[in-house]
Structure formats: C-alpha cells, structure tokens
C-alpha cells in the first residue's frame, strides 16, 4: 500500500508540474498565433472583456497526461504486467481521440480562421465513430460485457445487443456535456477535479493502479490548469481540453464497468447538456419563449446576477454531492 501511495503521489504531482510548465510555455505561443477566444454577441455582454484570451490550453494537460501514461506503461512493461492494462490504454486512447477532434475544431476556428470550425454534425459523426470503436474494442478484449451493474442494489442487468447503442449514447452525451460545462473561468476544471478526487478514493479502496492513473491525470492536470484558468483566466482549454476531460471521466467509469454510476458522477456535465437541449426544444415548441435566461445553465445563473466564483463554487459543491452518491452506487 505504501508503494501504491507513493506511486500515485509522484504521478499526480508530476502531471501537475508538467501541466504548469507546459501552460507557461504554451500561452505565449498561442498568443503569437492569435489563437484567442471569440466571444459571440449572444453571450453575456461582460464576457466581451475575455475576447482574445488564448484558448486550446487543453494541449498542456493532454501532453502531461501522455507523459505520465508513458512512464506508467514503461514501468508496467518492465514488471511484465502491461497486458493487464489494456482497458486503461483503450480509455486513454478514447480520451485523446476526442481531444484530437476538439483540436481540429479549435485549429480550424482559431488558426485557419475557417468560420466556425467543424460543423456540429461533422463533430457528432466523429464522436460517434470514436465512441463506437472504443466500445467495440473494449468488448472484443473482454474489458466490458453486455451485462451492467445496477447501482445501490448489487445486482446486474443483461442489456444484450442494446448495450452497444446505449454505451455510445452515454459516451457521446457526457463528452459533449463536458464541452458545454466549459463556459466560464475554472468551471470545467473545478468540476473535473472533484471527479478526479472520487477516482482517487476508488483507486485506494480497490488498490487499482489503472484507476489511480486516471485519478492522477484528472487531479494533476486540472489543478495545474487551474493555476492559469481560475478567474480571471489567462487561458481557456478549448474544445481540445473539454472533450478530452469529458471522455476521460466517462471512459474511466466504463473502465470500472460502472456505467450507471458513471451517469451519476457525470451529473453536472449531463445537466449542462440537458439545459441546452431543453432550451432549444422549449424555444421551438413555444414559438420563441425561453426556458432559461440563457443556456447552458451556468449562463442562466450569470444572467441572474451570480458572479463566476459563486457559480464555480455551486457546481463544485453539487459535484461533491454527486460523487458521494456515485461512491455508494459503485459500492467502493
């Protein structure tokens, strides 16, 4: 246990330090390429002051995650246990692939100045393709089965063929929810950091090094990024970072075979996604009326007069509650 604790601590601290250093070097590079955030007119007017803030900062913590993972797998290879880490390798690949989709979108928008980057359906098709490949290979390698654990009961449910579309919908939905949560300084980073804490607790309870690496990436990466992203932000993560984090969170839950509990711990991401979806549906059904002052919901709170510190604190506290529920749902 002492060796496990030391390994986790060194990995998390290492990823934190690499992220801090990577962002320190990355921010001036992004500025030199004029990779600054555009603020849409439909957004809160006080966000205009943030226009031009460098984005695509997610590159920094993705780089740190890859370095940490490389060291982790090198050690496992030396010990002859790398073959046991196939679910972890696939989950990291899933997260990086989603980060790559975000990078292409950000790059087209910010560097190439190609209108709005990828269209929504291009991005969705790519996400569905990546999620389908992830589920298929996880199933092929025996890393998941079509039987899922039911939270709180200790029972299970055989989904059969329905497991595959169900999984893809959940994966793509949570990934996009993570993307929508990244709307104000420090929000997505703080919420994800709390989820990283839950993964750390599970890793120690189960003495699971694979889960420990996921936790170290989520904790070290988001805390390192928050050094520059906490209000007032010096850099934004962009779709590059938010899609990576959303995928790593829900992919980590799949790696644990905690599919339904994954929906609980991803509750903030799902709520933000649903608030945007309901806003659009309500607008069309009522001929132009709005359910919220602005969507996703964190912008509604801004319109109600909440400052960014209060919103980040509220959602982080909500995520703590969800993680406590998820802890009991998983039965850790």
Protein backbone atom coordinates (compact mmCIF):
# COMPACT_ATOMS: atom_id res chain seq x y z
CA UNK A 1 0.00 0.00 0.00
CA UNK A 2 2.87 2.35 0.79
CA UNK A 3 4.38 1.75 -2.67
CA UNK A 4 0.99 2.36 -4.30
CA UNK A 5 0.51 5.64 -2.39
CA UNK A 6 3.99 6.86 -3.33
CA UNK A 7 3.47 5.98 -7.00
CA UNK A 8 0.13 7.79 -7.09
CA UNK A 9 1.51 10.86 -5.31
CA UNK A 10 4.54 11.12 -7.60
CA UNK A 11 2.39 10.64 -10.72
CA UNK A 12 -0.17 13.27 -9.70
CA UNK A 13 2.47 15.79 -8.67
CA UNK A 14 4.47 15.10 -11.82
CA UNK A 15 1.44 15.66 -14.06
CA UNK A 16 0.61 18.83 -12.10
CA UNK A 17 4.13 20.25 -12.57
CA UNK A 18 4.31 19.30 -16.24
CA UNK A 19 0.93 20.94 -16.83
CA UNK A 20 2.02 24.14 -15.10
CA UNK A 21 5.24 24.28 -17.12
CA UNK A 22 3.51 23.32 -20.38
CA UNK A 23 0.86 26.03 -19.99
CA UNK A 24 3.54 28.59 -19.08
CA UNK A 25 5.29 27.88 -22.39
CA UNK A 26 2.07 27.37 -24.37
CA UNK A 27 0.28 30.63 -23.55
CA UNK A 28 2.76 32.94 -25.34
CA UNK A 29 2.84 30.55 -28.31
CA UNK A 30 -0.96 30.66 -28.57
CA UNK A 31 -0.86 34.46 -28.30
CA UNK A 32 1.73 34.67 -31.10
CA UNK A 33 -0.57 32.62 -33.35
CA UNK A 34 -3.53 34.81 -32.35
CA UNK A 35 -5.36 31.75 -31.04
CA UNK A 36 -7.68 33.91 -28.94
CA UNK A 37 -11.21 33.12 -27.86
CA UNK A 38 -14.00 34.75 -29.85
CA UNK A 39 -16.97 35.90 -27.77
CA UNK A 40 -20.30 35.65 -29.56
CA UNK A 41 -22.72 38.56 -29.43
CA UNK A 42 -25.42 36.30 -27.98
CA UNK A 43 -23.28 35.65 -24.90
CA UNK A 44 -23.26 37.68 -21.69
CA UNK A 45 -22.03 41.17 -22.57
CA UNK A 46 -19.48 41.18 -19.72
CA UNK A 47 -17.72 38.24 -21.40
CA UNK A 48 -16.54 40.62 -24.13
CA UNK A 49 -13.63 41.57 -21.86
CA UNK A 50 -12.39 37.96 -22.25
CA UNK A 51 -12.17 38.16 -26.03
CA UNK A 52 -8.66 37.37 -27.25
CA UNK A 53 -7.75 35.21 -24.23
CA UNK A 54 -5.66 32.30 -25.58
CA UNK A 55 -7.54 29.03 -25.94
CA UNK A 56 -6.53 25.45 -26.88
CA UNK A 57 -4.83 25.32 -23.46
CA UNK A 58 -6.01 21.74 -23.12
CA UNK A 59 -2.93 20.79 -25.12
CA UNK A 60 -0.91 21.37 -21.94
CA UNK A 61 -2.63 18.86 -19.69
CA UNK A 62 -3.08 16.34 -22.52
CA UNK A 63 0.70 16.46 -23.03
CA UNK A 64 1.21 15.96 -19.29
CA UNK A 65 -1.24 13.03 -19.34
CA UNK A 66 0.62 11.36 -22.20
CA UNK A 67 3.97 11.76 -20.45
CA UNK A 68 2.53 10.34 -17.22
CA UNK A 69 0.93 7.44 -19.11
CA UNK A 70 4.18 6.68 -20.97
CA UNK A 71 6.09 6.38 -17.70
CA UNK A 72 3.28 4.27 -16.20
CA UNK A 73 3.26 1.79 -19.10
CA UNK A 74 7.06 1.67 -19.22
CA UNK A 75 7.11 0.60 -15.55
CA UNK A 76 4.36 -1.96 -16.16
CA UNK A 77 6.27 -3.36 -19.16
CA UNK A 78 9.40 -3.72 -17.05
CA UNK A 79 7.37 -5.63 -14.47
CA UNK A 80 5.75 -7.79 -17.15
CA UNK A 81 2.22 -6.64 -16.26
CA UNK A 82 1.47 -4.32 -19.20
CA UNK A 83 -1.04 -6.81 -20.68
CA UNK A 84 -3.33 -6.19 -17.70
CA UNK A 85 -3.62 -2.51 -18.62
CA UNK A 86 -5.50 -2.93 -21.92
CA UNK A 87 -8.72 -1.25 -20.62
CA UNK A 88 -6.66 1.70 -19.37
CA UNK A 89 -4.80 2.03 -22.69
CA UNK A 90 -8.08 1.96 -24.63
CA UNK A 91 -9.68 4.52 -22.31
CA UNK A 92 -6.73 6.89 -22.67
CA UNK A 93 -6.86 6.42 -26.45
CA UNK A 94 -10.58 7.26 -26.39
CA UNK A 95 -9.90 10.46 -24.44
CA UNK A 96 -7.01 11.50 -26.70
CA UNK A 97 -9.09 10.81 -29.82
CA UNK A 98 -11.82 13.12 -28.52
CA UNK A 99 -9.18 15.70 -27.67
CA UNK A 100 -7.95 15.40 -31.27
CA UNK A 101 -11.47 16.11 -32.56
CA UNK A 102 -11.54 19.20 -30.36
CA UNK A 103 -8.08 20.22 -31.57
CA UNK A 104 -9.14 20.05 -35.23
CA UNK A 105 -12.20 22.16 -34.41
CA UNK A 106 -10.18 24.71 -32.45
CA UNK A 107 -7.41 24.80 -35.06
CA UNK A 108 -9.82 25.45 -37.92
CA UNK A 109 -11.59 28.21 -35.99
CA UNK A 110 -8.65 29.95 -34.41
CA UNK A 111 -5.59 29.34 -36.57
CA UNK A 112 -7.07 28.78 -40.03
CA UNK A 113 -9.94 31.22 -39.38
CA UNK A 114 -12.35 28.86 -41.16
CA UNK A 115 -15.67 30.22 -39.92
CA UNK A 116 -16.90 28.05 -37.03
CA UNK A 117 -14.51 25.13 -37.48
CA UNK A 118 -16.15 21.71 -37.72
CA UNK A 119 -19.92 21.78 -38.19
CA UNK A 120 -22.00 20.25 -35.40
CA UNK A 121 -22.83 17.18 -37.47
CA UNK A 122 -19.20 16.64 -38.54
CA UNK A 123 -18.15 16.75 -34.90
CA UNK A 124 -21.02 14.43 -33.89
CA UNK A 125 -20.20 11.88 -36.60
CA UNK A 126 -16.55 11.83 -35.50
CA UNK A 127 -17.55 11.45 -31.83
CA UNK A 128 -19.96 8.61 -32.61
CA UNK A 129 -17.27 6.87 -34.68
CA UNK A 130 -14.69 7.15 -31.89
CA UNK A 131 -17.19 6.03 -29.21
CA UNK A 132 -18.32 3.07 -31.33
CA UNK A 133 -14.73 1.97 -31.90
CA UNK A 134 -13.99 2.30 -28.17
CA UNK A 135 -16.99 0.18 -27.16
CA UNK A 136 -16.29 -2.41 -29.87
CA UNK A 137 -12.63 -2.90 -28.92
CA UNK A 138 -13.38 -2.85 -25.18
CA UNK A 139 -15.96 -5.58 -25.81
CA UNK A 140 -13.64 -7.57 -28.10
CA UNK A 141 -10.88 -7.58 -25.48
CA UNK A 142 -13.29 -8.58 -22.72
CA UNK A 143 -12.82 -5.27 -20.93
CA UNK A 144 -16.61 -4.79 -20.83
CA UNK A 145 -19.56 -7.12 -21.17
CA UNK A 146 -23.17 -6.51 -22.17
CA UNK A 147 -24.20 -7.01 -18.54
CA UNK A 148 -24.07 -3.83 -16.47
CA UNK A 149 -24.07 -3.35 -12.71
CA UNK A 150 -27.13 -1.76 -11.16
CA UNK A 151 -26.29 0.97 -8.64
CA UNK A 152 -27.09 0.52 -4.93
CA UNK A 153 -28.55 -2.99 -5.41
CA UNK A 154 -25.52 -5.19 -6.02
CA UNK A 155 -27.46 -6.67 -8.92
CA UNK A 156 -26.87 -6.57 -12.65
CA UNK A 157 -28.84 -6.17 -15.86
CA UNK A 158 -28.18 -8.02 -19.13
CA UNK A 159 -28.68 -5.49 -21.93
CA UNK A 160 -27.74 -7.78 -24.80
CA UNK A 161 -27.28 -6.01 -28.14
CA UNK A 162 -28.83 -2.81 -26.68
CA UNK A 163 -25.65 -2.35 -24.65
CA UNK A 164 -23.82 -1.02 -27.71
CA UNK A 165 -26.13 1.86 -28.74
CA UNK A 166 -26.72 2.64 -25.05
CA UNK A 167 -22.98 2.93 -24.45
CA UNK A 168 -22.37 5.13 -27.49
CA UNK A 169 -25.21 7.49 -26.50
CA UNK A 170 -23.88 7.78 -22.93
CA UNK A 171 -20.28 8.31 -24.05
CA UNK A 172 -21.08 10.95 -26.67
CA UNK A 173 -23.60 12.67 -24.39
CA UNK A 174 -21.22 13.04 -21.45
CA UNK A 175 -18.33 14.14 -23.70
CA UNK A 176 -20.48 16.94 -25.11
CA UNK A 177 -21.76 17.79 -21.65
CA UNK A 178 -18.17 18.32 -20.56
CA UNK A 179 -17.69 20.60 -23.56
CA UNK A 180 -20.75 22.71 -22.63
CA UNK A 181 -19.64 22.96 -19.00
CA UNK A 182 -16.50 24.78 -20.13
CA UNK A 183 -18.20 28.17 -20.31
CA UNK A 184 -16.76 30.30 -17.52
CA UNK A 185 -13.35 30.57 -15.87
CA UNK A 186 -12.41 27.47 -13.91
CA UNK A 187 -15.79 25.73 -14.11
CA UNK A 188 -15.00 22.59 -16.12
CA UNK A 189 -11.58 22.30 -14.44
CA UNK A 190 -13.03 22.53 -10.92
CA UNK A 191 -15.87 20.07 -11.55
CA UNK A 192 -13.49 17.58 -13.19
CA UNK A 193 -11.03 17.95 -10.31
CA UNK A 194 -13.75 16.84 -7.88
CA UNK A 195 -14.42 13.79 -10.07
CA UNK A 196 -10.69 13.09 -10.03
CA UNK A 197 -10.89 13.00 -6.25
CA UNK A 198 -13.57 10.31 -6.43
CA UNK A 199 -11.43 8.22 -8.78
CA UNK A 200 -8.54 8.59 -6.34
CA UNK A 201 -10.67 7.29 -3.47
CA UNK A 202 -11.78 4.32 -5.60
CA UNK A 203 -8.17 3.63 -6.61
CA UNK A 204 -7.08 3.47 -2.95
CA UNK A 205 -10.13 1.45 -1.89
CA UNK A 206 -9.58 -1.11 -4.65
CA UNK A 207 -5.79 -0.77 -4.73
CA UNK A 208 -6.15 -0.30 -8.50
CA UNK A 209 -3.20 1.35 -10.25
CA UNK A 210 -5.13 1.83 -13.52
CA UNK A 211 -7.82 3.87 -11.79
CA UNK A 212 -5.02 5.62 -9.91
CA UNK A 213 -3.53 6.86 -13.19
CA UNK A 214 -6.92 8.18 -14.34
CA UNK A 215 -7.25 9.97 -10.99
CA UNK A 216 -3.72 11.38 -11.18
CA UNK A 217 -4.38 12.76 -14.67
CA UNK A 218 -7.69 14.33 -13.67
CA UNK A 219 -6.33 15.80 -10.43
CA UNK A 220 -2.85 16.82 -11.57
CA UNK A 221 -4.00 18.07 -14.96
CA UNK A 222 -6.95 20.15 -13.78
CA UNK A 223 -5.16 21.62 -10.75
CA UNK A 224 -2.19 22.54 -12.94
CA UNK A 225 -4.52 24.10 -15.47
CA UNK A 226 -6.43 26.00 -12.78
CA UNK A 227 -3.23 27.89 -11.99
CA UNK A 228 -3.90 29.76 -15.23
CA UNK A 229 -7.62 29.15 -15.73
CA UNK A 230 -9.06 30.34 -12.41
CA UNK A 231 -10.87 33.68 -12.71
CA UNK A 232 -9.64 35.87 -14.32
CA UNK A 233 -8.44 33.20 -16.74
CA UNK A 234 -5.17 33.62 -18.61
CA UNK A 235 -6.01 30.69 -20.89
CA UNK A 236 -9.01 28.57 -21.86
CA UNK A 237 -8.88 24.83 -22.52
CA UNK A 238 -10.93 24.99 -25.73
CA UNK A 239 -12.72 22.01 -27.24
CA UNK A 240 -9.31 20.32 -27.23
CA UNK A 241 -9.30 20.12 -23.45
CA UNK A 242 -13.01 19.86 -22.62
CA UNK A 243 -13.65 16.93 -24.98
CA UNK A 244 -10.58 15.14 -23.61
CA UNK A 245 -11.70 15.60 -19.98
CA UNK A 246 -15.30 14.59 -20.66
CA UNK A 247 -14.12 11.45 -22.44
CA UNK A 248 -11.65 10.54 -19.70
CA UNK A 249 -14.32 10.91 -17.00
CA UNK A 250 -16.95 8.72 -18.64
CA UNK A 251 -14.32 6.38 -20.09
CA UNK A 252 -12.96 5.88 -16.59
CA UNK A 253 -16.44 4.91 -15.40
CA UNK A 254 -16.72 2.40 -18.26
CA UNK A 255 -13.31 1.02 -17.37
CA UNK A 256 -14.73 0.36 -13.89
CA UNK A 257 -17.81 -1.22 -15.53
CA UNK A 258 -19.82 1.34 -13.54
CA UNK A 259 -21.97 2.50 -16.42
CA UNK A 260 -24.97 3.80 -14.47
CA UNK A 261 -22.81 5.16 -11.66
CA UNK A 262 -20.89 6.96 -14.41
CA UNK A 263 -24.07 8.85 -15.25
CA UNK A 264 -24.31 9.95 -11.62
CA UNK A 265 -20.72 11.17 -11.31
CA UNK A 266 -21.08 12.93 -14.67
CA UNK A 267 -24.26 14.59 -13.43
CA UNK A 268 -23.08 18.19 -13.81
CA UNK A 269 -21.99 17.55 -17.41
CA UNK A 270 -25.32 15.89 -18.20
CA UNK A 271 -27.30 18.68 -16.52
CA UNK A 272 -25.48 21.33 -18.55
CA UNK A 273 -26.14 19.39 -21.75
CA UNK A 274 -29.82 18.87 -20.92
CA UNK A 275 -30.29 22.55 -20.07
CA UNK A 276 -29.11 23.48 -23.58
CA UNK A 277 -31.23 20.75 -25.18
CA UNK A 278 -34.37 21.76 -23.25
CA UNK A 279 -33.79 25.41 -24.09
CA UNK A 280 -33.84 24.62 -27.82
CA UNK A 281 -36.89 22.32 -27.55
CA UNK A 282 -38.84 24.78 -25.42
CA UNK A 283 -37.96 27.65 -27.77
CA UNK A 284 -39.35 25.74 -30.77
CA UNK A 285 -42.45 24.41 -29.01
CA UNK A 286 -43.48 27.80 -27.62
CA UNK A 287 -42.67 29.86 -30.68
CA UNK A 288 -39.72 31.76 -29.25
CA UNK A 289 -40.09 31.63 -25.45
CA UNK A 290 -37.06 30.69 -23.34
CA UNK A 291 -36.99 28.18 -20.50
CA UNK A 292 -33.81 29.76 -19.09
CA UNK A 293 -32.47 33.28 -19.49
CA UNK A 294 -29.57 31.69 -21.33
CA UNK A 295 -28.24 28.17 -21.80
CA UNK A 296 -26.33 26.20 -20.68
CA UNK A 297 -27.46 26.71 -17.10
CA UNK A 298 -24.30 28.41 -15.80
CA UNK A 299 -25.07 31.33 -18.14
CA UNK A 300 -28.60 31.47 -16.72
CA UNK A 301 -27.08 31.92 -13.27
CA UNK A 302 -24.86 34.69 -14.66
CA UNK A 303 -27.92 36.43 -16.05
CA UNK A 304 -29.50 36.12 -12.59
CA UNK A 305 -26.59 38.08 -11.12
CA UNK A 306 -24.31 35.31 -9.85
CA UNK A 307 -20.59 36.02 -10.18
CA UNK A 308 -18.18 33.43 -11.57
CA UNK A 309 -16.78 32.47 -8.17
CA UNK A 310 -20.27 31.67 -6.88
CA UNK A 311 -21.16 29.62 -9.96
CA UNK A 312 -17.95 27.58 -9.80
CA UNK A 313 -18.50 27.04 -6.06
CA UNK A 314 -22.11 25.97 -6.60
CA UNK A 315 -21.35 23.45 -9.33
CA UNK A 316 -18.30 22.11 -7.49
CA UNK A 317 -20.39 21.56 -4.35
CA UNK A 318 -23.07 19.87 -6.46
CA UNK A 319 -20.40 17.63 -7.97
CA UNK A 320 -19.14 16.69 -4.50
CA UNK A 321 -22.67 15.57 -3.63
CA UNK A 322 -22.96 13.59 -6.86
CA UNK A 323 -19.61 11.93 -6.23
CA UNK A 324 -20.71 10.87 -2.74
CA UNK A 325 -23.83 9.29 -4.28
CA UNK A 326 -21.71 7.66 -7.01
CA UNK A 327 -19.36 6.26 -4.35
CA UNK A 328 -22.24 4.35 -2.75
CA UNK A 329 -23.67 3.47 -6.17
CA UNK A 330 -20.40 1.84 -7.18
CA UNK A 331 -20.12 0.11 -3.82
CA UNK A 332 -16.49 1.10 -3.45
